[in-house]
Amino acid sequence: MPKPAAPRPANPLKLTDRKRLAILDAAISEFRQQGFELTSMDGIARTANVSKRTVYNHFASKELLFAEILTQLWQNSAEQVGLSYQAEAPLRPQLEELLWQKMRMLNQQDFIDLARVAIAETIHSPERAQDMVNRLNEREEGITTWIRAAKADGKLHTDDPAFAATQLQGMIKTFAFWPQIAMGQPPLTRKQQEHIVTSSADMFLHYYA
């Protein structure tokens, strides 16, 4: 009796999609290790185990490839920092969960490494720097949306939810982003993270609640 055929995986990736993912993974590795200026399309092709022509078929330039990586980086950050306001739930636990989501995202080594490469590149290209800032601001809109909803519910008092959101995130980034980016400090310990989240929530609610 013939053996039944093995089930085929659902929606397997096409070869061209697999190659694109391999190129992106290789590019992330190269940019992290070499920085933007020293990374080459030749090096990316070797790391991805594809031809240089294949790399160019997917991405016309190193700049476009780098921009695609940053786009995915911002998209991933947006997915990790999103919490719908719940009118029936206590305010503080919701706020602390938002801060923990932000903290977890900033504690990822891939995020820190690529953000460092991106910021270094802005020195050479102010135009690209503005694009990066705009992308990041768009991806951080979720916290502004939460604050705006809490304001509409009468739980927070602010005339400028976007400004309040920037203040809130600044309290986290001061400890969990800029020291790691600018001075190469290690990621925060769990105890340090807890202290920053708790104290940031205290300060924010004391002023805005």
Protein backbone atom coordinates (compact mmCIF):
# COMPACT_ATOMS: atom_id res chain seq x y z
CA MET A 1 0.00 0.00 0.00
CA PRO A 2 1.58 3.32 -1.04
CA LYS A 3 2.57 5.70 1.73
CA PRO A 4 0.39 8.80 1.96
CA ALA A 5 2.03 11.92 0.66
CA ALA A 6 3.42 14.28 3.27
CA PRO A 7 1.19 17.32 3.79
CA ARG A 8 2.40 20.36 1.91
CA PRO A 9 3.10 23.44 4.03
CA ALA A 10 0.42 26.08 3.81
CA ASN A 11 1.34 29.03 1.61
CA PRO A 12 5.03 28.19 1.17
CA LEU A 13 7.20 31.14 0.28
CA LYS A 14 8.16 31.45 -3.36
CA LEU A 15 11.84 31.27 -4.23
CA THR A 16 11.96 34.99 -5.01
CA ASP A 17 10.41 35.77 -1.60
CA ARG A 18 12.91 33.53 0.16
CA LYS A 19 15.75 35.28 -1.61
CA ARG A 20 14.37 38.69 -0.66
CA LEU A 21 14.20 37.64 3.00
CA ALA A 22 17.74 36.26 2.79
CA ILE A 23 18.93 39.58 1.35
CA LEU A 24 17.24 41.56 4.11
CA ASP A 25 18.68 39.29 6.82
CA ALA A 26 22.13 39.56 5.28
CA ALA A 27 21.85 43.33 4.97
CA ILE A 28 20.85 43.66 8.63
CA SER A 29 23.89 41.61 9.62
CA GLU A 30 26.22 43.63 7.38
CA PHE A 31 24.89 47.02 8.48
CA ARG A 32 25.17 46.01 12.14
CA GLN A 33 28.76 44.83 11.75
CA GLN A 34 30.13 47.27 9.16
CA GLY A 35 28.01 50.38 9.44
CA PHE A 36 26.39 52.04 6.44
CA GLU A 37 29.47 53.41 4.68
CA LEU A 38 31.50 50.18 4.74
CA THR A 39 28.62 47.89 3.81
CA SER A 40 28.60 46.94 0.13
CA MET A 41 26.11 45.23 -2.12
CA ASP A 42 28.84 42.67 -2.89
CA GLY A 43 29.16 41.85 0.81
CA ILE A 44 25.41 41.56 1.21
CA ALA A 45 25.23 39.20 -1.78
CA ARG A 46 27.97 36.97 -0.33
CA THR A 47 26.30 36.83 3.09
CA ALA A 48 22.91 36.07 1.52
CA ASN A 49 24.47 33.45 -0.78
CA VAL A 50 22.91 35.03 -3.85
CA SER A 51 24.32 36.82 -6.85
CA LYS A 52 24.91 40.55 -6.84
CA ARG A 53 22.45 40.80 -9.73
CA THR A 54 19.77 39.16 -7.57
CA VAL A 55 20.35 41.77 -4.87
CA TYR A 56 19.93 44.56 -7.43
CA ASN A 57 16.82 42.90 -8.85
CA HIS A 58 15.20 43.34 -5.44
CA PHE A 59 16.80 46.63 -4.37
CA ALA A 60 18.15 49.18 -6.84
CA SER A 61 20.61 50.66 -4.36
CA LYS A 62 22.13 50.29 -0.93
CA GLU A 63 20.16 53.35 0.17
CA LEU A 64 16.84 51.77 -0.81
CA LEU A 65 17.78 48.52 0.92
CA PHE A 66 18.68 50.41 4.08
CA ALA A 67 15.40 52.35 3.88
CA GLU A 68 13.45 49.08 3.62
CA ILE A 69 15.16 47.73 6.73
CA LEU A 70 14.33 50.90 8.63
CA THR A 71 10.72 50.72 7.46
CA GLN A 72 10.45 47.18 8.85
CA LEU A 73 12.15 48.32 12.03
CA TRP A 74 9.58 51.07 12.56
CA GLN A 75 6.73 48.73 11.66
CA ASN A 76 7.91 46.19 14.20
CA SER A 77 8.17 48.89 16.84
CA ALA A 78 4.62 50.01 16.10
CA GLU A 79 3.30 46.46 16.46
CA GLN A 80 4.97 46.16 19.84
CA VAL A 81 3.75 49.50 21.17
CA GLY A 82 0.01 49.50 20.80
CA LEU A 83 -2.74 49.33 23.37
CA SER A 84 -6.31 50.48 22.90
CA TYR A 85 -7.65 52.68 25.66
CA GLN A 86 -10.19 50.88 27.85
CA ALA A 87 -12.60 53.23 29.61
CA GLU A 88 -13.76 50.56 32.06
CA ALA A 89 -10.23 49.62 33.17
CA PRO A 90 -8.08 51.48 35.73
CA LEU A 91 -5.79 54.05 34.16
CA ARG A 92 -2.46 53.21 35.77
CA PRO A 93 -2.20 49.52 34.73
CA GLN A 94 -2.91 50.55 31.14
CA LEU A 95 -0.24 53.23 31.26
CA GLU A 96 2.32 50.88 32.78
CA GLU A 97 1.62 48.28 30.08
CA LEU A 98 2.25 50.92 27.41
CA LEU A 99 5.55 51.77 29.07
CA TRP A 100 6.52 48.10 29.36
CA GLN A 101 5.81 47.56 25.67
CA LYS A 102 8.06 50.49 24.87
CA MET A 103 10.73 49.22 27.25
CA ARG A 104 10.72 45.73 25.71
CA MET A 105 11.06 47.15 22.23
CA LEU A 106 13.97 49.40 23.20
CA ASN A 107 15.69 46.48 24.92
CA GLN A 108 16.00 44.47 21.69
CA GLN A 109 19.58 44.34 20.43
CA ASP A 110 18.56 44.40 16.76
CA PHE A 111 16.61 47.58 17.34
CA ILE A 112 19.50 49.27 19.15
CA ASP A 113 22.11 48.17 16.61
CA LEU A 114 20.15 49.33 13.57
CA ALA A 115 19.06 52.53 15.25
CA ARG A 116 22.73 53.27 15.94
CA VAL A 117 23.58 52.69 12.27
CA ALA A 118 20.66 54.87 11.21
CA ILE A 119 21.62 57.73 13.50
CA ALA A 120 25.25 57.58 12.39
CA GLU A 121 24.13 57.78 8.77
CA THR A 122 22.09 60.91 9.46
CA ILE A 123 25.36 62.80 9.92
CA HIS A 124 26.14 62.15 6.25
CA SER A 125 22.62 62.66 4.94
CA PRO A 126 20.40 65.22 6.72
CA GLU A 127 17.63 64.50 4.21
CA ARG A 128 17.58 60.85 5.16
CA ALA A 129 17.69 61.89 8.81
CA GLN A 130 14.46 63.84 8.45
CA ASP A 131 12.81 60.88 6.76
CA MET A 132 13.86 58.61 9.63
CA VAL A 133 12.52 61.04 12.22
CA ASN A 134 9.23 61.27 10.36
CA ARG A 135 8.95 57.47 10.18
CA LEU A 136 9.68 57.08 13.88
CA ASN A 137 7.16 59.75 14.82
CA GLU A 138 4.51 57.99 12.75
CA ARG A 139 5.25 54.69 14.49
CA GLU A 140 4.93 56.24 17.94
CA GLU A 141 1.45 57.56 17.24
CA GLY A 142 -0.12 54.73 19.27
CA ILE A 143 0.78 56.30 22.62
CA THR A 144 -0.59 59.66 21.46
CA THR A 145 -3.83 57.93 20.47
CA TRP A 146 -4.11 56.32 23.91
CA ILE A 147 -3.54 59.65 25.67
CA ARG A 148 -6.06 61.36 23.40
CA ALA A 149 -8.68 58.73 24.25
CA ALA A 150 -7.99 59.03 27.99
CA LYS A 151 -8.36 62.79 27.66
CA ALA A 152 -11.70 62.41 25.88
CA ASP A 153 -12.82 60.14 28.73
CA GLY A 154 -11.94 62.80 31.28
CA LYS A 155 -9.12 60.75 32.87
CA LEU A 156 -6.23 62.91 31.62
CA HIS A 157 -6.00 66.67 31.31
CA THR A 158 -3.82 68.00 28.48
CA ASP A 159 -4.30 70.44 25.64
CA ASP A 160 -1.64 68.67 23.57
CA PRO A 161 -1.70 64.83 23.63
CA ALA A 162 1.23 64.62 21.20
CA PHE A 163 3.38 66.77 23.49
CA ALA A 164 2.39 64.67 26.51
CA ALA A 165 3.25 61.49 24.59
CA THR A 166 6.68 62.87 23.69
CA GLN A 167 7.33 63.69 27.34
CA LEU A 168 6.25 60.22 28.43
CA GLN A 169 8.43 58.42 25.90
CA GLY A 170 11.32 60.76 26.64
CA MET A 171 11.39 59.55 30.23
CA ILE A 172 11.91 56.00 28.97
CA LYS A 173 14.38 56.81 26.19
CA THR A 174 16.56 58.88 28.51
CA PHE A 175 17.49 55.68 30.34
CA ALA A 176 16.72 52.84 27.90
CA PHE A 177 17.72 54.21 24.48
CA TRP A 178 20.12 57.14 24.32
CA PRO A 179 22.78 55.81 26.72
CA GLN A 180 22.87 52.54 24.74
CA ILE A 181 22.95 54.37 21.41
CA ALA A 182 25.42 57.13 22.22
CA MET A 183 27.66 55.58 24.87
CA GLY A 184 27.34 51.84 24.27
CA GLN A 185 25.95 51.17 27.72
CA PRO A 186 24.48 47.68 28.34
CA PRO A 187 20.74 47.03 28.32
CA LEU A 188 18.96 47.79 31.58
CA THR A 189 18.43 45.08 34.15
CA ARG A 190 14.90 44.02 35.03
CA LYS A 191 15.12 45.89 38.33
CA GLN A 192 16.22 49.07 36.56
CA GLN A 193 13.41 48.73 34.04
CA GLU A 194 10.83 48.31 36.81
CA HIS A 195 12.09 51.42 38.59
CA ILE A 196 11.95 53.53 35.42
CA VAL A 197 8.49 52.32 34.41
CA THR A 198 7.06 52.89 37.90
CA SER A 199 8.61 56.32 38.42
CA SER A 200 7.69 57.48 34.90
CA ALA A 201 4.07 56.47 35.47
CA ASP A 202 4.13 58.29 38.83
CA MET A 203 5.41 61.53 37.30
CA PHE A 204 3.09 61.40 34.30
CA LEU A 205 -0.05 60.72 36.31
CA HIS A 206 0.85 63.24 39.00
CA TYR A 207 0.90 65.97 36.35
CA TYR A 208 -1.77 64.87 33.87
CA ALA A 209 -4.28 62.71 35.74
